[in-house]
Amino acid sequence: MVSRLSVTSKALNLISELKETHGDLMFYQAGGCCEGTQPQCFEKGEIYLRMNDVLIGSIDGCEFWVDRDLFEYWKYSHFTLDVLEGFGPGGFSLETSLGKTFKIIYRLFTEEELNELEPIEREG
């Protein structure tokens, strides 16, 4: 099966650091407003999922959820979680206190990958 999600070593190191301070984490990528489409990192359970939000995978035990409408737009894309120095458009994500910002690098799946994608899970 082909995963919809991967992570850079730099982002994985930051997740480990955040887990030491905050415990279990989760990611949520919304489709607009303050955070734009920047992935947000929260303590697990700190954000309420909406009906039909999509779980595209997990990173180091941290679920990665995507807004239902945004997923429809990006469902043919692989997500790679990375991190940048500096603040992004939103300030709600846990890494902002460390002067960092999670970001997603997208690439389209090949036709072969599309035929082998892991199934998704929807909230509710």
PDB file of N, CA and C in Angstrom:
ATOM      1  N   MET A   1       0.837  -1.189   0.000  1.00  0.00           N
ATOM      2  CA  MET A   1       0.000   0.000   0.000  1.00  0.00           C
ATOM      3  C   MET A   1       0.886   1.259   0.000  1.00  0.00           C
ATOM      4  N   VAL A   2       0.410   2.283  -0.659  1.00  0.00           N
ATOM      5  CA  VAL A   2       1.119   3.556  -0.751  1.00  0.00           C
ATOM      6  C   VAL A   2       0.548   4.509   0.293  1.00  0.00           C
ATOM      7  N   SER A   3       1.431   5.084   1.092  1.00  0.00           N
ATOM      8  CA  SER A   3       1.028   6.037   2.118  1.00  0.00           C
ATOM      9  C   SER A   3       0.740   7.405   1.504  1.00  0.00           C
ATOM     10  N   ARG A   4      -0.198   8.122   2.099  1.00  0.00           N
ATOM     11  CA  ARG A   4      -0.515   9.482   1.667  1.00  0.00           C
ATOM     12  C   ARG A   4       0.357  10.520   2.367  1.00  0.00           C
ATOM     13  N   LEU A   5       1.176  10.071   3.325  1.00  0.00           N
ATOM     14  CA  LEU A   5       1.867  10.998   4.212  1.00  0.00           C
ATOM     15  C   LEU A   5       3.272  10.507   4.512  1.00  0.00           C
ATOM     16  N   SER A   6       4.230  11.442   4.500  1.00  0.00           N
ATOM     17  CA  SER A   6       5.587  11.150   4.966  1.00  0.00           C
ATOM     18  C   SER A   6       6.102  12.361   5.729  1.00  0.00           C
ATOM     19  N   VAL A   7       7.303  12.242   6.262  1.00  0.00           N
ATOM     20  CA  VAL A   7       7.852  13.301   7.113  1.00  0.00           C
ATOM     21  C   VAL A   7       9.354  13.415   6.873  1.00  0.00           C
ATOM     22  N   THR A   8       9.866  14.633   6.931  1.00  0.00           N
ATOM     23  CA  THR A   8      11.313  14.838   6.845  1.00  0.00           C
ATOM     24  C   THR A   8      11.927  14.564   8.215  1.00  0.00           C
ATOM     25  N   SER A   9      13.214  14.307   8.237  1.00  0.00           N
ATOM     26  CA  SER A   9      13.892  14.060   9.518  1.00  0.00           C
ATOM     27  C   SER A   9      13.855  15.306  10.398  1.00  0.00           C
ATOM     28  N   LYS A  10      13.940  16.461   9.800  1.00  0.00           N
ATOM     29  CA  LYS A  10      13.888  17.713  10.560  1.00  0.00           C
ATOM     30  C   LYS A  10      12.533  17.861  11.274  1.00  0.00           C
ATOM     31  N   ALA A  11      11.447  17.555  10.567  1.00  0.00           N
ATOM     32  CA  ALA A  11      10.118  17.634  11.181  1.00  0.00           C
ATOM     33  C   ALA A  11       9.952  16.550  12.246  1.00  0.00           C
ATOM     34  N   LEU A  12      10.483  15.371  11.990  1.00  0.00           N
ATOM     35  CA  LEU A  12      10.390  14.281  12.964  1.00  0.00           C
ATOM     36  C   LEU A  12      11.122  14.636  14.260  1.00  0.00           C
ATOM     37  N   ASN A  13      12.264  15.291  14.145  1.00  0.00           N
ATOM     38  CA  ASN A  13      12.995  15.735  15.340  1.00  0.00           C
ATOM     39  C   ASN A  13      12.179  16.755  16.137  1.00  0.00           C
ATOM     40  N   LEU A  14      11.529  17.674  15.441  1.00  0.00           N
ATOM     41  CA  LEU A  14      10.698  18.671  16.117  1.00  0.00           C
ATOM     42  C   LEU A  14       9.500  18.011  16.796  1.00  0.00           C
ATOM     43  N   ILE A  15       8.895  17.038  16.153  1.00  0.00           N
ATOM     44  CA  ILE A  15       7.768  16.319  16.764  1.00  0.00           C
ATOM     45  C   ILE A  15       8.220  15.648  18.055  1.00  0.00           C
ATOM     46  N   SER A  16       9.376  15.010  18.031  1.00  0.00           N
ATOM     47  CA  SER A  16       9.908  14.370  19.245  1.00  0.00           C
ATOM     48  C   SER A  16      10.098  15.384  20.370  1.00  0.00           C
ATOM     49  N   GLU A  17      10.631  16.541  20.017  1.00  0.00           N
ATOM     50  CA  GLU A  17      10.831  17.608  21.009  1.00  0.00           C
ATOM     51  C   GLU A  17       9.492  18.077  21.583  1.00  0.00           C
ATOM     52  N   LEU A  18       8.503  18.255  20.726  1.00  0.00           N
ATOM     53  CA  LEU A  18       7.183  18.703  21.181  1.00  0.00           C
ATOM     54  C   LEU A  18       6.489  17.638  22.033  1.00  0.00           C
ATOM     55  N   LYS A  19       6.683  16.369  21.693  1.00  0.00           N
ATOM     56  CA  LYS A  19       6.078  15.283  22.473  1.00  0.00           C
ATOM     57  C   LYS A  19       6.647  15.227  23.889  1.00  0.00           C
ATOM     58  N   GLU A  20       7.939  15.533  24.020  1.00  0.00           N
ATOM     59  CA  GLU A  20       8.555  15.554  25.354  1.00  0.00           C
ATOM     60  C   GLU A  20       7.903  16.597  26.247  1.00  0.00           C
ATOM     61  N   THR A  21       7.531  17.727  25.683  1.00  0.00           N
ATOM     62  CA  THR A  21       6.920  18.819  26.443  1.00  0.00           C
ATOM     63  C   THR A  21       5.418  18.661  26.606  1.00  0.00           C
ATOM     64  N   HIS A  22       4.745  18.216  25.535  1.00  0.00           N
ATOM     65  CA  HIS A  22       3.277  18.257  25.517  1.00  0.00           C
ATOM     66  C   HIS A  22       2.585  16.897  25.556  1.00  0.00           C
ATOM     67  N   GLY A  23       3.320  15.819  25.463  1.00  0.00           N
ATOM     68  CA  GLY A  23       2.695  14.489  25.446  1.00  0.00           C
ATOM     69  C   GLY A  23       2.178  14.141  24.062  1.00  0.00           C
ATOM     70  N   ASP A  24       1.083  13.384  24.015  1.00  0.00           N
ATOM     71  CA  ASP A  24       0.520  12.943  22.738  1.00  0.00           C
ATOM     72  C   ASP A  24       0.071  14.138  21.906  1.00  0.00           C
ATOM     73  N   LEU A  25       0.351  14.059  20.600  1.00  0.00           N
ATOM     74  CA  LEU A  25       0.048  15.162  19.682  1.00  0.00           C
ATOM     75  C   LEU A  25      -0.857  14.690  18.550  1.00  0.00           C
ATOM     76  N   MET A  26      -1.411  15.652  17.845  1.00  0.00           N
ATOM     77  CA  MET A  26      -2.159  15.400  16.619  1.00  0.00           C
ATOM     78  C   MET A  26      -1.935  16.573  15.679  1.00  0.00           C
ATOM     79  N   PHE A  27      -2.142  16.338  14.393  1.00  0.00           N
ATOM     80  CA  PHE A  27      -2.043  17.392  13.386  1.00  0.00           C
ATOM     81  C   PHE A  27      -3.400  17.585  12.744  1.00  0.00           C
ATOM     82  N   TYR A  28      -3.669  18.839  12.382  1.00  0.00           N
ATOM     83  CA  TYR A  28      -4.888  19.155  11.654  1.00  0.00           C
ATOM     84  C   TYR A  28      -4.541  20.192  10.594  1.00  0.00           C
ATOM     85  N   GLN A  29      -4.951  19.924   9.379  1.00  0.00           N
ATOM     86  CA  GLN A  29      -4.722  20.882   8.303  1.00  0.00           C
ATOM     87  C   GLN A  29      -6.080  21.361   7.803  1.00  0.00           C
ATOM     88  N   ALA A  30      -6.342  22.628   8.050  1.00  0.00           N
ATOM     89  CA  ALA A  30      -7.616  23.235   7.677  1.00  0.00           C
ATOM     90  C   ALA A  30      -7.504  23.882   6.310  1.00  0.00           C
ATOM     91  N   GLY A  31      -8.618  24.420   5.855  1.00  0.00           N
ATOM     92  CA  GLY A  31      -8.639  24.975   4.514  1.00  0.00           C
ATOM     93  C   GLY A  31      -8.732  26.477   4.442  1.00  0.00           C
ATOM     94  N   GLY A  32      -8.529  27.201   5.517  1.00  0.00           N
ATOM     95  CA  GLY A  32      -8.604  28.647   5.379  1.00  0.00           C
ATOM     96  C   GLY A  32      -8.582  29.379   6.694  1.00  0.00           C
ATOM     97  N   CYS A  33      -9.025  30.621   6.655  1.00  0.00           N
ATOM     98  CA  CYS A  33      -9.063  31.526   7.806  1.00  0.00           C
ATOM     99  C   CYS A  33      -7.641  31.874   8.227  1.00  0.00           C
ATOM    100  N   CYS A  34      -7.403  31.938   9.515  1.00  0.00           N
ATOM    101  CA  CYS A  34      -6.135  32.435  10.070  1.00  0.00           C
ATOM    102  C   CYS A  34      -4.922  31.630   9.629  1.00  0.00           C
ATOM    103  N   GLU A  35      -5.053  30.310   9.639  1.00  0.00           N
ATOM    104  CA  GLU A  35      -3.891  29.469   9.398  1.00  0.00           C
ATOM    105  C   GLU A  35      -3.678  29.115   7.936  1.00  0.00           C
ATOM    106  N   GLY A  36      -4.562  29.564   7.057  1.00  0.00           N
ATOM    107  CA  GLY A  36      -4.428  29.185   5.655  1.00  0.00           C
ATOM    108  C   GLY A  36      -4.490  27.675   5.533  1.00  0.00           C
ATOM    109  N   THR A  37      -3.589  27.101   4.783  1.00  0.00           N
ATOM    110  CA  THR A  37      -3.540  25.643   4.688  1.00  0.00           C
ATOM    111  C   THR A  37      -2.291  25.101   5.387  1.00  0.00           C
ATOM    112  N   GLN A  38      -1.800  25.810   6.355  1.00  0.00           N
ATOM    113  CA  GLN A  38      -0.642  25.383   7.128  1.00  0.00           C
ATOM    114  C   GLN A  38      -1.068  24.275   8.097  1.00  0.00           C
ATOM    115  N   PRO A  39      -0.304  23.178   8.191  1.00  0.00           N
ATOM    116  CA  PRO A  39      -0.646  22.150   9.172  1.00  0.00           C
ATOM    117  C   PRO A  39      -0.448  22.682  10.587  1.00  0.00           C
ATOM    118  N   GLN A  40      -1.368  22.351  11.455  1.00  0.00           N
ATOM    119  CA  GLN A  40      -1.313  22.806  12.845  1.00  0.00           C
ATOM    120  C   GLN A  40      -1.059  21.600  13.746  1.00  0.00           C
ATOM    121  N   CYS A  41      -0.209  21.761  14.742  1.00  0.00           N
ATOM    122  CA  CYS A  41       0.112  20.712  15.697  1.00  0.00           C
ATOM    123  C   CYS A  41      -0.512  21.081  17.044  1.00  0.00           C
ATOM    124  N   PHE A  42      -1.266  20.140  17.603  1.00  0.00           N
ATOM    125  CA  PHE A  42      -1.964  20.361  18.873  1.00  0.00           C
ATOM    126  C   PHE A  42      -1.705  19.190  19.812  1.00  0.00           C
ATOM    127  N   GLU A  43      -1.939  19.421  21.101  1.00  0.00           N
ATOM    128  CA  GLU A  43      -2.002  18.294  22.019  1.00  0.00           C
ATOM    129  C   GLU A  43      -3.199  17.456  21.595  1.00  0.00           C
ATOM    130  N   LYS A  44      -3.056  16.146  21.665  1.00  0.00           N
ATOM    131  CA  LYS A  44      -4.128  15.253  21.210  1.00  0.00           C
ATOM    132  C   LYS A  44      -5.425  15.584  21.939  1.00  0.00           C
ATOM    133  N   GLY A  45      -6.501  15.736  21.160  1.00  0.00           N
ATOM    134  CA  GLY A  45      -7.815  16.032  21.719  1.00  0.00           C
ATOM    135  C   GLY A  45      -8.091  17.508  21.925  1.00  0.00           C
ATOM    136  N   GLU A  46      -7.117  18.370  21.653  1.00  0.00           N
ATOM    137  CA  GLU A  46      -7.286  19.804  21.874  1.00  0.00           C
ATOM    138  C   GLU A  46      -8.154  20.468  20.802  1.00  0.00           C
ATOM    139  N   ILE A  47      -8.312  19.817  19.673  1.00  0.00           N
ATOM    140  CA  ILE A  47      -9.146  20.368  18.603  1.00  0.00           C
ATOM    141  C   ILE A  47     -10.250  19.361  18.308  1.00  0.00           C
ATOM    142  N   TYR A  48     -11.429  19.882  18.043  1.00  0.00           N
ATOM    143  CA  TYR A  48     -12.562  19.022  17.715  1.00  0.00           C
ATOM    144  C   TYR A  48     -12.635  18.840  16.208  1.00  0.00           C
ATOM    145  N   LEU A  49     -12.702  17.595  15.808  1.00  0.00           N
ATOM    146  CA  LEU A  49     -12.814  17.285  14.390  1.00  0.00           C
ATOM    147  C   LEU A  49     -14.245  17.487  13.930  1.00  0.00           C
ATOM    148  N   ARG A  50     -14.390  17.812  12.648  1.00  0.00           N
ATOM    149  CA  ARG A  50     -15.718  17.974  12.065  1.00  0.00           C
ATOM    150  C   ARG A  50     -16.120  16.678  11.375  1.00  0.00           C
ATOM    151  N   MET A  51     -17.401  16.546  11.182  1.00  0.00           N
ATOM    152  CA  MET A  51     -17.934  15.389  10.470  1.00  0.00           C
ATOM    153  C   MET A  51     -17.261  15.276   9.106  1.00  0.00           C
ATOM    154  N   ASN A  52     -16.776  14.122   8.777  1.00  0.00           N
ATOM    155  CA  ASN A  52     -16.144  13.800   7.494  1.00  0.00           C
ATOM    156  C   ASN A  52     -14.740  14.368   7.299  1.00  0.00           C
ATOM    157  N   ASP A  53     -14.110  14.952   8.354  1.00  0.00           N
ATOM    158  CA  ASP A  53     -12.685  15.260   8.237  1.00  0.00           C
ATOM    159  C   ASP A  53     -11.958  13.941   7.991  1.00  0.00           C
ATOM    160  N   VAL A  54     -10.791  14.009   7.367  1.00  0.00           N
ATOM    161  CA  VAL A  54     -10.134  12.811   6.859  1.00  0.00           C
ATOM    162  C   VAL A  54      -8.797  12.570   7.564  1.00  0.00           C
ATOM    163  N   LEU A  55      -8.611  11.346   8.052  1.00  0.00           N
ATOM    164  CA  LEU A  55      -7.340  10.916   8.621  1.00  0.00           C
ATOM    165  C   LEU A  55      -6.513  10.327   7.482  1.00  0.00           C
ATOM    166  N   ILE A  56      -5.413  11.006   7.124  1.00  0.00           N
ATOM    167  CA  ILE A  56      -4.614  10.526   5.990  1.00  0.00           C
ATOM    168  C   ILE A  56      -3.415   9.685   6.426  1.00  0.00           C
ATOM    169  N   GLY A  57      -3.179   9.609   7.728  1.00  0.00           N
ATOM    170  CA  GLY A  57      -2.064   8.808   8.234  1.00  0.00           C
ATOM    171  C   GLY A  57      -1.613   9.293   9.585  1.00  0.00           C
ATOM    172  N   SER A  58      -0.500   8.720  10.051  1.00  0.00           N
ATOM    173  CA  SER A  58       0.094   9.187  11.302  1.00  0.00           C
ATOM    174  C   SER A  58       1.597   9.269  11.171  1.00  0.00           C
ATOM    175  N   ILE A  59       2.151  10.136  11.995  1.00  0.00           N
ATOM    176  CA  ILE A  59       3.598  10.350  12.032  1.00  0.00           C
ATOM    177  C   ILE A  59       4.035  10.151  13.468  1.00  0.00           C
ATOM    178  N   ASP A  60       4.882   9.167  13.694  1.00  0.00           N
ATOM    179  CA  ASP A  60       5.392   8.889  15.034  1.00  0.00           C
ATOM    180  C   ASP A  60       4.247   8.801  16.053  1.00  0.00           C
ATOM    181  N   GLY A  61       3.156   8.142  15.667  1.00  0.00           N
ATOM    182  CA  GLY A  61       2.011   7.975  16.559  1.00  0.00           C
ATOM    183  C   GLY A  61       1.065   9.162  16.627  1.00  0.00           C
ATOM    184  N   CYS A  62       1.318  10.205  15.853  1.00  0.00           N
ATOM    185  CA  CYS A  62       0.478  11.414  15.847  1.00  0.00           C
ATOM    186  C   CYS A  62      -0.437  11.386  14.618  1.00  0.00           C
ATOM    187  N   GLU A  63      -1.743  11.341  14.855  1.00  0.00           N
ATOM    188  CA  GLU A  63      -2.689  11.346  13.743  1.00  0.00           C
ATOM    189  C   GLU A  63      -2.587  12.650  12.959  1.00  0.00           C
ATOM    190  N   PHE A  64      -2.769  12.539  11.631  1.00  0.00           N
ATOM    191  CA  PHE A  64      -2.738  13.712  10.760  1.00  0.00           C
ATOM    192  C   PHE A  64      -4.085  13.786  10.056  1.00  0.00           C
ATOM    193  N   TRP A  65      -4.902  14.760  10.481  1.00  0.00           N
ATOM    194  CA  TRP A  65      -6.248  14.962   9.957  1.00  0.00           C
ATOM    195  C   TRP A  65      -6.261  16.132   8.986  1.00  0.00           C
ATOM    196  N   VAL A  66      -7.110  16.034   7.960  1.00  0.00           N
ATOM    197  CA  VAL A  66      -7.246  17.089   6.962  1.00  0.00           C
ATOM    198  C   VAL A  66      -8.718  17.472   6.868  1.00  0.00           C
ATOM    199  N   ASP A  67      -8.959  18.764   6.808  1.00  0.00           N
ATOM    200  CA  ASP A  67     -10.298  19.303   6.605  1.00  0.00           C
ATOM    201  C   ASP A  67     -10.956  18.606   5.423  1.00  0.00           C
ATOM    202  N   ARG A  68     -12.219  18.250   5.576  1.00  0.00           N
ATOM    203  CA  ARG A  68     -12.934  17.476   4.537  1.00  0.00           C
ATOM    204  C   ARG A  68     -12.919  18.161   3.174  1.00  0.00           C
ATOM    205  N   ASP A  69     -13.096  19.479   3.148  1.00  0.00           N
ATOM    206  CA  ASP A  69     -13.118  20.190   1.865  1.00  0.00           C
ATOM    207  C   ASP A  69     -11.719  20.282   1.258  1.00  0.00           C
ATOM    208  N   LEU A  70     -10.724  20.533   2.097  1.00  0.00           N
ATOM    209  CA  LEU A  70      -9.345  20.602   1.610  1.00  0.00           C
ATOM    210  C   LEU A  70      -8.912  19.246   1.060  1.00  0.00           C
ATOM    211  N   PHE A  71      -9.329  18.162   1.721  1.00  0.00           N
ATOM    212  CA  PHE A  71      -8.967  16.830   1.233  1.00  0.00           C
ATOM    213  C   PHE A  71      -9.503  16.599  -0.175  1.00  0.00           C
ATOM    214  N   GLU A  72     -10.712  17.030  -0.438  1.00  0.00           N
ATOM    215  CA  GLU A  72     -11.275  16.841  -1.780  1.00  0.00           C
ATOM    216  C   GLU A  72     -10.402  17.509  -2.838  1.00  0.00           C
ATOM    217  N   TYR A  73      -9.811  18.628  -2.479  1.00  0.00           N
ATOM    218  CA  TYR A  73      -8.939  19.351  -3.400  1.00  0.00           C
ATOM    219  C   TYR A  73      -7.596  18.638  -3.578  1.00  0.00           C
ATOM    220  N   TRP A  74      -7.056  18.075  -2.484  1.00  0.00           N
ATOM    221  CA  TRP A  74      -5.708  17.510  -2.476  1.00  0.00           C
ATOM    222  C   TRP A  74      -5.684  15.981  -2.451  1.00  0.00           C
ATOM    223  N   LYS A  75      -6.799  15.308  -2.693  1.00  0.00           N
ATOM    224  CA  LYS A  75      -6.850  13.856  -2.515  1.00  0.00           C
ATOM    225  C   LYS A  75      -5.950  13.077  -3.475  1.00  0.00           C
ATOM    226  N   TYR A  76      -5.488  13.698  -4.530  1.00  0.00           N
ATOM    227  CA  TYR A  76      -4.589  13.022  -5.466  1.00  0.00           C
ATOM    228  C   TYR A  76      -3.123  13.383  -5.209  1.00  0.00           C
ATOM    229  N   SER A  77      -2.859  13.922  -4.022  1.00  0.00           N
ATOM    230  CA  SER A  77      -1.513  14.394  -3.692  1.00  0.00           C
ATOM    231  C   SER A  77      -0.943  13.697  -2.465  1.00  0.00           C
ATOM    232  N   HIS A  78       0.361  13.487  -2.507  1.00  0.00           N
ATOM    233  CA  HIS A  78       1.100  12.986  -1.347  1.00  0.00           C
ATOM    234  C   HIS A  78       1.522  14.190  -0.512  1.00  0.00           C
ATOM    235  N   PHE A  79       1.418  14.066   0.802  1.00  0.00           N
ATOM    236  CA  PHE A  79       1.788  15.127   1.738  1.00  0.00           C
ATOM    237  C   PHE A  79       3.114  14.744   2.392  1.00  0.00           C
ATOM    238  N   THR A  80       4.089  15.642   2.377  1.00  0.00           N
ATOM    239  CA  THR A  80       5.324  15.461   3.146  1.00  0.00           C
ATOM    240  C   THR A  80       5.390  16.592   4.166  1.00  0.00           C
ATOM    241  N   LEU A  81       5.401  16.232   5.446  1.00  0.00           N
ATOM    242  CA  LEU A  81       5.484  17.222   6.512  1.00  0.00           C
ATOM    243  C   LEU A  81       6.926  17.648   6.698  1.00  0.00           C
ATOM    244  N   ASP A  82       7.152  18.940   6.657  1.00  0.00           N
ATOM    245  CA  ASP A  82       8.480  19.518   6.832  1.00  0.00           C
ATOM    246  C   ASP A  82       8.363  20.661   7.839  1.00  0.00           C
ATOM    247  N   VAL A  83       9.460  21.308   8.140  1.00  0.00           N
ATOM    248  CA  VAL A  83       9.455  22.422   9.089  1.00  0.00           C
ATOM    249  C   VAL A  83      10.395  23.517   8.589  1.00  0.00           C
ATOM    250  N   LEU A  84      10.004  24.762   8.853  1.00  0.00           N
ATOM    251  CA  LEU A  84      10.808  25.937   8.497  1.00  0.00           C
ATOM    252  C   LEU A  84      11.110  26.738   9.752  1.00  0.00           C
ATOM    253  N   GLU A  85      12.175  27.494   9.707  1.00  0.00           N
ATOM    254  CA  GLU A  85      12.458  28.449  10.773  1.00  0.00           C
ATOM    255  C   GLU A  85      11.547  29.659  10.583  1.00  0.00           C
ATOM    256  N   GLY A  86      11.021  30.199  11.668  1.00  0.00           N
ATOM    257  CA  GLY A  86      10.185  31.392  11.585  1.00  0.00           C
ATOM    258  C   GLY A  86       8.720  31.073  11.799  1.00  0.00           C
ATOM    259  N   PHE A  87       7.927  32.146  11.845  1.00  0.00           N
ATOM    260  CA  PHE A  87       6.504  32.012  12.111  1.00  0.00           C
ATOM    261  C   PHE A  87       5.714  31.975  10.819  1.00  0.00           C
ATOM    262  N   GLY A  88       4.718  31.102  10.776  1.00  0.00           N
ATOM    263  CA  GLY A  88       3.812  31.026   9.642  1.00  0.00           C
ATOM    264  C   GLY A  88       2.644  31.968   9.862  1.00  0.00           C
ATOM    265  N   PRO A  89       1.605  31.809   9.045  1.00  0.00           N
ATOM    266  CA  PRO A  89       0.459  32.712   9.127  1.00  0.00           C
ATOM    267  C   PRO A  89      -0.400  32.512  10.376  1.00  0.00           C
ATOM    268  N   GLY A  90      -0.336  31.344  10.993  1.00  0.00           N
ATOM    269  CA  GLY A  90      -1.155  31.105  12.192  1.00  0.00           C
ATOM    270  C   GLY A  90      -0.277  31.030  13.419  1.00  0.00           C
ATOM    271  N   GLY A  91      -0.831  31.258  14.588  1.00  0.00           N
ATOM    272  CA  GLY A  91      -0.039  31.197  15.804  1.00  0.00           C
ATOM    273  C   GLY A  91      -0.572  30.195  16.799  1.00  0.00           C
ATOM    274  N   PHE A  92      -1.446  29.282  16.350  1.00  0.00           N
ATOM    275  CA  PHE A  92      -2.082  28.344  17.267  1.00  0.00           C
ATOM    276  C   PHE A  92      -1.312  27.045  17.419  1.00  0.00           C
ATOM    277  N   SER A  93      -0.432  26.744  16.490  1.00  0.00           N
ATOM    278  CA  SER A  93       0.294  25.484  16.478  1.00  0.00           C
ATOM    279  C   SER A  93       1.418  25.492  17.508  1.00  0.00           C
ATOM    280  N   LEU A  94       1.677  24.344  18.113  1.00  0.00           N
ATOM    281  CA  LEU A  94       2.633  24.247  19.226  1.00  0.00           C
ATOM    282  C   LEU A  94       4.054  24.660  18.866  1.00  0.00           C
ATOM    283  N   GLU A  95       4.474  24.464  17.633  1.00  0.00           N
ATOM    284  CA  GLU A  95       5.868  24.753  17.264  1.00  0.00           C
ATOM    285  C   GLU A  95       6.169  26.241  17.169  1.00  0.00           C
ATOM    286  N   THR A  96       5.126  27.087  17.101  1.00  0.00           N
ATOM    287  CA  THR A  96       5.379  28.525  16.964  1.00  0.00           C
ATOM    288  C   THR A  96       6.130  29.093  18.162  1.00  0.00           C
ATOM    289  N   SER A  97       5.932  28.486  19.342  1.00  0.00           N
ATOM    290  CA  SER A  97       6.650  28.969  20.529  1.00  0.00           C
ATOM    291  C   SER A  97       8.149  28.718  20.425  1.00  0.00           C
ATOM    292  N   LEU A  98       8.551  27.847  19.508  1.00  0.00           N
ATOM    293  CA  LEU A  98       9.970  27.550  19.293  1.00  0.00           C
ATOM    294  C   LEU A  98      10.528  28.292  18.077  1.00  0.00           C
ATOM    295  N   GLY A  99       9.705  29.180  17.495  1.00  0.00           N
ATOM    296  CA  GLY A  99      10.146  29.945  16.331  1.00  0.00           C
ATOM    297  C   GLY A  99      10.213  29.113  15.061  1.00  0.00           C
ATOM    298  N   LYS A 100       9.341  28.108  14.970  1.00  0.00           N
ATOM    299  CA  LYS A 100       9.328  27.218  13.805  1.00  0.00           C
ATOM    300  C   LYS A 100       7.906  27.113  13.266  1.00  0.00           C
ATOM    301  N   THR A 101       7.802  26.613  12.034  1.00  0.00           N
ATOM    302  CA  THR A 101       6.511  26.452  11.378  1.00  0.00           C
ATOM    303  C   THR A 101       6.503  25.150  10.584  1.00  0.00           C
ATOM    304  N   PHE A 102       5.504  24.305  10.842  1.00  0.00           N
ATOM    305  CA  PHE A 102       5.328  23.122  10.005  1.00  0.00           C
ATOM    306  C   PHE A 102       4.795  23.556   8.655  1.00  0.00           C
ATOM    307  N   LYS A 103       5.159  22.815   7.621  1.00  0.00           N
ATOM    308  CA  LYS A 103       4.643  23.080   6.280  1.00  0.00           C
ATOM    309  C   LYS A 103       4.493  21.756   5.551  1.00  0.00           C
ATOM    310  N   ILE A 104       3.704  21.776   4.499  1.00  0.00           N
ATOM    311  CA  ILE A 104       3.502  20.584   3.685  1.00  0.00           C
ATOM    312  C   ILE A 104       4.103  20.808   2.306  1.00  0.00           C
ATOM    313  N   ILE A 105       4.796  19.797   1.834  1.00  0.00           N
ATOM    314  CA  ILE A 105       5.276  19.750   0.454  1.00  0.00           C
ATOM    315  C   ILE A 105       4.364  18.745  -0.256  1.00  0.00           C
ATOM    316  N   TYR A 106       3.739  19.182  -1.328  1.00  0.00           N
ATOM    317  CA  TYR A 106       2.811  18.329  -2.064  1.00  0.00           C
ATOM    318  C   TYR A 106       3.456  17.826  -3.346  1.00  0.00           C
ATOM    319  N   ARG A 107       3.046  16.629  -3.744  1.00  0.00           N
ATOM    320  CA  ARG A 107       3.355  16.127  -5.076  1.00  0.00           C
ATOM    321  C   ARG A 107       2.192  15.231  -5.495  1.00  0.00           C
ATOM    322  N   LEU A 108       1.906  15.215  -6.776  1.00  0.00           N
ATOM    323  CA  LEU A 108       0.825  14.377  -7.282  1.00  0.00           C
ATOM    324  C   LEU A 108       1.262  12.914  -7.283  1.00  0.00           C
ATOM    325  N   PHE A 109       0.321  12.029  -6.960  1.00  0.00           N
ATOM    326  CA  PHE A 109       0.587  10.602  -7.053  1.00  0.00           C
ATOM    327  C   PHE A 109       0.696  10.197  -8.517  1.00  0.00           C
ATOM    328  N   THR A 110       1.495   9.198  -8.761  1.00  0.00           N
ATOM    329  CA  THR A 110       1.525   8.613 -10.090  1.00  0.00           C
ATOM    330  C   THR A 110       0.265   7.754 -10.254  1.00  0.00           C
ATOM    331  N   GLU A 111      -0.026   7.372 -11.474  1.00  0.00           N
ATOM    332  CA  GLU A 111      -1.191   6.519 -11.720  1.00  0.00           C
ATOM    333  C   GLU A 111      -1.047   5.189 -10.979  1.00  0.00           C
ATOM    334  N   GLU A 112       0.151   4.636 -10.952  1.00  0.00           N
ATOM    335  CA  GLU A 112       0.398   3.384 -10.234  1.00  0.00           C
ATOM    336  C   GLU A 112       0.145   3.550  -8.734  1.00  0.00           C
ATOM    337  N   GLU A 113       0.617   4.666  -8.173  1.00  0.00           N
ATOM    338  CA  GLU A 113       0.400   4.918  -6.746  1.00  0.00           C
ATOM    339  C   GLU A 113      -1.086   5.068  -6.424  1.00  0.00           C
ATOM    340  N   LEU A 114      -1.820   5.742  -7.280  1.00  0.00           N
ATOM    341  CA  LEU A 114      -3.256   5.926  -7.048  1.00  0.00           C
ATOM    342  C   LEU A 114      -3.980   4.592  -6.919  1.00  0.00           C
ATOM    343  N   ASN A 115      -3.523   3.600  -7.650  1.00  0.00           N
ATOM    344  CA  ASN A 115      -4.146   2.273  -7.593  1.00  0.00           C
ATOM    345  C   ASN A 115      -3.800   1.505  -6.326  1.00  0.00           C
ATOM    346  N   GLU A 116      -2.787   1.962  -5.591  1.00  0.00           N
ATOM    347  CA  GLU A 116      -2.312   1.254  -4.398  1.00  0.00           C
ATOM    348  C   GLU A 116      -2.433   2.070  -3.107  1.00  0.00           C
ATOM    349  N   LEU A 117      -3.219   3.159  -3.115  1.00  0.00           N
ATOM    350  CA  LEU A 117      -3.303   4.036  -1.948  1.00  0.00           C
ATOM    351  C   LEU A 117      -3.918   3.346  -0.740  1.00  0.00           C
ATOM    352  N   GLU A 118      -3.373   3.670   0.443  1.00  0.00           N
ATOM    353  CA  GLU A 118      -3.984   3.210   1.693  1.00  0.00           C
ATOM    354  C   GLU A 118      -5.374   3.809   1.793  1.00  0.00           C
ATOM    355  N   PRO A 119      -6.311   3.075   2.376  1.00  0.00           N
ATOM    356  CA  PRO A 119      -7.649   3.654   2.555  1.00  0.00           C
ATOM    357  C   PRO A 119      -7.621   4.788   3.587  1.00  0.00           C
ATOM    358  N   ILE A 120      -8.566   5.702   3.457  1.00  0.00           N
ATOM    359  CA  ILE A 120      -8.673   6.811   4.411  1.00  0.00           C
ATOM    360  C   ILE A 120      -9.737   6.486   5.447  1.00  0.00           C
ATOM    361  N   GLU A 121      -9.702   7.238   6.527  1.00  0.00           N
ATOM    362  CA  GLU A 121     -10.715   7.128   7.568  1.00  0.00           C
ATOM    363  C   GLU A 121     -11.356   8.509   7.697  1.00  0.00           C
ATOM    364  N   ARG A 122     -12.681   8.528   7.837  1.00  0.00           N
ATOM    365  CA  ARG A 122     -13.396   9.795   8.019  1.00  0.00           C
ATOM    366  C   ARG A 122     -13.946   9.876   9.427  1.00  0.00           C
ATOM    367  N   GLU A 123     -13.937  11.091   9.987  1.00  0.00           N
ATOM    368  CA  GLU A 123     -14.499  11.336  11.311  1.00  0.00           C
ATOM    369  C   GLU A 123     -16.012  11.190  11.247  1.00  0.00           C
ATOM    370  N   GLY A 124     -16.542  10.588  12.290  1.00  0.00           N
ATOM    371  CA  GLY A 124     -17.994  10.535  12.479  1.00  0.00           C
ATOM    372  C   GLY A 124     -18.674   9.610  11.576  1.00  0.00           C
TER     373      GLY A 124
END
